[in-house]
Amino acid sequence: LADAITISELASKPRPKVVLSWAPHPRALPQAVPNSFVEMMQLLEVDFCITHPEGYELNPEITKQVPIIYNQEDALKDADFVYVKNWSNYKDYGKILNQDPHWMMTKEKLGNAKFMHCLPVRRNVVVEDAVLDGPNSIVIPQANNRTYSAQAVLKQILEHH
């Protein structure tokens, strides 16, 4: 919900392009964050795709008709928002298949897109400092929106129970 709020607040056009990009990490992380992000993006009016190395597919029941692009550069072309996250392999959950540092998000790859991440993040592994500390990083407003989304959910729960 916080990610949807952030995108809707900062989108500069009616149907922004949003990319979920896999990133290297020393540990194989769970799929919870990318799965929930995919589900939320399917509810929004966005041009959405996922990019990752082959073998890092998410659950096909969740990704459904979402385009999967194995070439990160192609996926990032004309992106408005790029959410970067590591996740483990779906079939061999918890196994690290790839640690290719070329999947790290750089300023050159990001271009003019806004950078998103759930935090905390490993600097210069998942994303380079120039992106995280740069003007296109929206991780702080994104994190701040978690407060508002939690308040909205809590309000709904209290009003209906």
Foldseek 3Di string as FASTA:
>chain_A
DLVVVVCVVPPPDQAFEEEEAEFADPWAAACVVVLVVLQVVVVGRYLYAYEDAPQADDPCVRNPPHHYDPDLLVSLVRHAEYEYYHHHGPVPHGDDDDQPQVSAAECVSNPNHAYEYQDDDDESGNYHPCRCVDPRYPHVSSNVSVVVVVVVVVVVVVVVD
